[in-house]
Protein backbone atom coordinates (compact mmCIF):
# COMPACT_ATOMS: atom_id res chain seq x y z
CA MET A 1 0.04 0.05 -0.08
CA ASP A 2 1.19 3.54 -0.72
CA PRO A 3 1.41 5.89 2.31
CA ILE A 4 -2.06 7.70 2.84
CA GLU A 5 -2.28 11.54 3.54
CA ILE A 6 -4.87 12.48 6.09
CA ASN A 7 -6.42 15.89 6.72
CA ALA A 8 -6.90 16.28 10.47
CA GLY A 9 -8.16 19.60 10.57
CA THR A 10 -5.61 21.99 11.94
CA TRP A 11 -2.77 19.46 11.18
CA TYR A 12 -2.28 17.22 8.19
CA LEU A 13 -0.68 13.62 8.22
CA ARG A 14 1.74 12.38 5.55
CA ALA A 15 4.40 9.87 5.21
CA LEU A 16 7.79 10.46 7.02
CA ARG A 17 10.18 11.91 4.61
CA ALA A 18 13.87 12.10 4.17
CA ASP A 19 14.82 13.56 0.84
CA GLU A 20 15.85 16.77 -0.95
CA ARG A 21 12.60 18.63 -0.08
CA ILE A 22 11.98 17.48 3.36
CA ASP A 23 13.95 15.65 6.19
CA ASP A 24 12.07 14.64 9.09
CA ARG A 25 14.94 12.96 10.81
CA PRO A 26 16.00 16.16 12.98
CA SER A 27 12.32 16.36 14.25
CA LEU A 28 12.32 12.56 14.81
CA ALA A 29 15.58 13.08 16.92
CA ASP A 30 13.54 15.37 18.98
CA LEU A 31 11.28 12.38 19.71
CA GLY A 32 14.06 10.21 20.56
CA GLU A 33 14.56 8.36 17.18
CA ALA A 34 18.24 8.10 16.42
CA ASP A 35 18.15 5.41 13.81
CA PRO A 36 18.97 7.18 10.46
CA ASP A 37 17.19 4.44 8.50
CA TYR A 38 13.96 4.96 10.45
CA VAL A 39 12.20 6.76 7.64
CA SER A 40 13.11 4.16 5.03
CA ARG A 41 12.13 1.33 7.24
CA CYS A 42 8.77 3.02 7.87
CA ALA A 43 8.32 3.34 4.05
CA ALA A 44 9.15 -0.48 3.79
CA HIS A 45 6.43 -1.25 6.31
CA TRP A 46 3.77 0.72 4.14
CA ALA A 47 4.99 -1.18 1.19
CA SER A 48 4.66 -4.56 2.89
CA GLU A 49 1.39 -3.60 4.76
CA THR A 50 3.23 -4.52 8.06
CA GLY A 51 3.11 -1.09 9.62
CA TYR A 52 1.69 2.52 9.10
CA SER A 53 3.31 5.64 10.30
CA TRP A 54 2.31 9.42 9.77
CA ALA A 55 4.35 12.59 10.24
CA VAL A 56 1.84 14.87 12.08
CA CYS A 57 2.58 18.40 10.39
CA GLU A 58 2.02 21.92 10.58
CA PRO A 59 0.29 22.72 7.35
CA THR A 60 2.02 25.83 6.32
CA THR A 61 5.54 24.71 6.97
CA GLY A 62 5.19 20.88 6.81
CA GLU A 63 7.33 20.59 10.04
CA LEU A 64 6.91 17.42 11.88
CA LEU A 65 5.22 18.04 15.28
CA ALA A 66 4.24 14.53 16.09
CA GLU A 67 4.16 10.82 14.86
CA VAL A 68 1.35 8.44 14.74
CA THR A 69 1.95 4.59 14.11
CA ILE A 70 -0.26 1.54 13.76
CA ASP A 71 0.96 -2.12 14.07
CA PRO A 72 -1.90 -4.01 12.00
CA HIS A 73 -0.76 -7.28 13.72
CA SER A 74 -1.60 -6.17 17.27
CA ALA A 75 -4.05 -3.34 16.39
CA ALA A 76 -1.94 -1.08 18.33
CA LEU A 77 -1.83 2.64 17.80
CA SER A 78 1.07 4.74 19.54
CA THR A 79 1.87 8.48 19.33
CA ARG A 80 4.77 10.55 20.37
CA ALA A 81 5.05 14.48 20.27
CA ARG A 82 7.64 16.96 20.42
CA PRO A 83 7.38 19.19 23.44
CA GLY A 84 4.29 21.40 23.29
CA HIS A 85 2.50 19.32 20.67
CA ASP A 86 0.57 16.61 22.49
CA GLU A 87 -2.75 18.03 21.36
CA ALA A 88 -1.44 17.36 17.50
CA ALA A 89 -0.56 13.96 18.41
CA ALA A 90 -4.13 13.38 20.13
CA VAL A 91 -6.13 14.87 17.20
CA ALA A 92 -3.97 12.85 14.85
CA ALA A 93 -4.74 9.68 16.68
CA THR A 94 -8.47 10.28 16.36
CA ALA A 95 -8.18 10.71 12.53
CA VAL A 96 -5.88 7.61 12.30
CA ARG A 97 -8.42 5.48 14.18
CA ARG A 98 -11.15 6.44 11.81
CA PHE A 99 -8.87 5.71 8.80
CA ALA A 100 -7.86 2.37 10.09
CA ALA A 101 -11.52 1.56 10.78
CA ALA A 102 -12.75 2.60 7.34
CA ALA A 103 -9.70 1.52 5.26
CA LEU A 104 -8.18 -1.14 6.92
CA ASN A 105 -11.06 -2.74 8.82
CA LEU A 106 -8.96 -2.61 11.89
CA THR A 107 -10.08 -1.27 15.27
CA VAL A 108 -7.29 0.35 17.34
């Protein structure tokens, strides 16, 4: 499956990126993610449908504020947010739950 973008009102959710236009790795480091291959591993999970992850972004800058992930095998949803952005993670989690129910037939 290709990554799905989700509009969550104040924030938008997109696939994690590390390319010439957007590099989420510095923001992910703020979340405690030090693995330089994390973004590519998340892309591989989307492709194999073994995991789904979203960057929760500020819409005007595209800056990653939080991350939401789903493990389809355990139906577990997790979030982590940069300092001061817990609300973005919570709103995004609600949108991802709706997506999981509608598109993946998965209750998380």
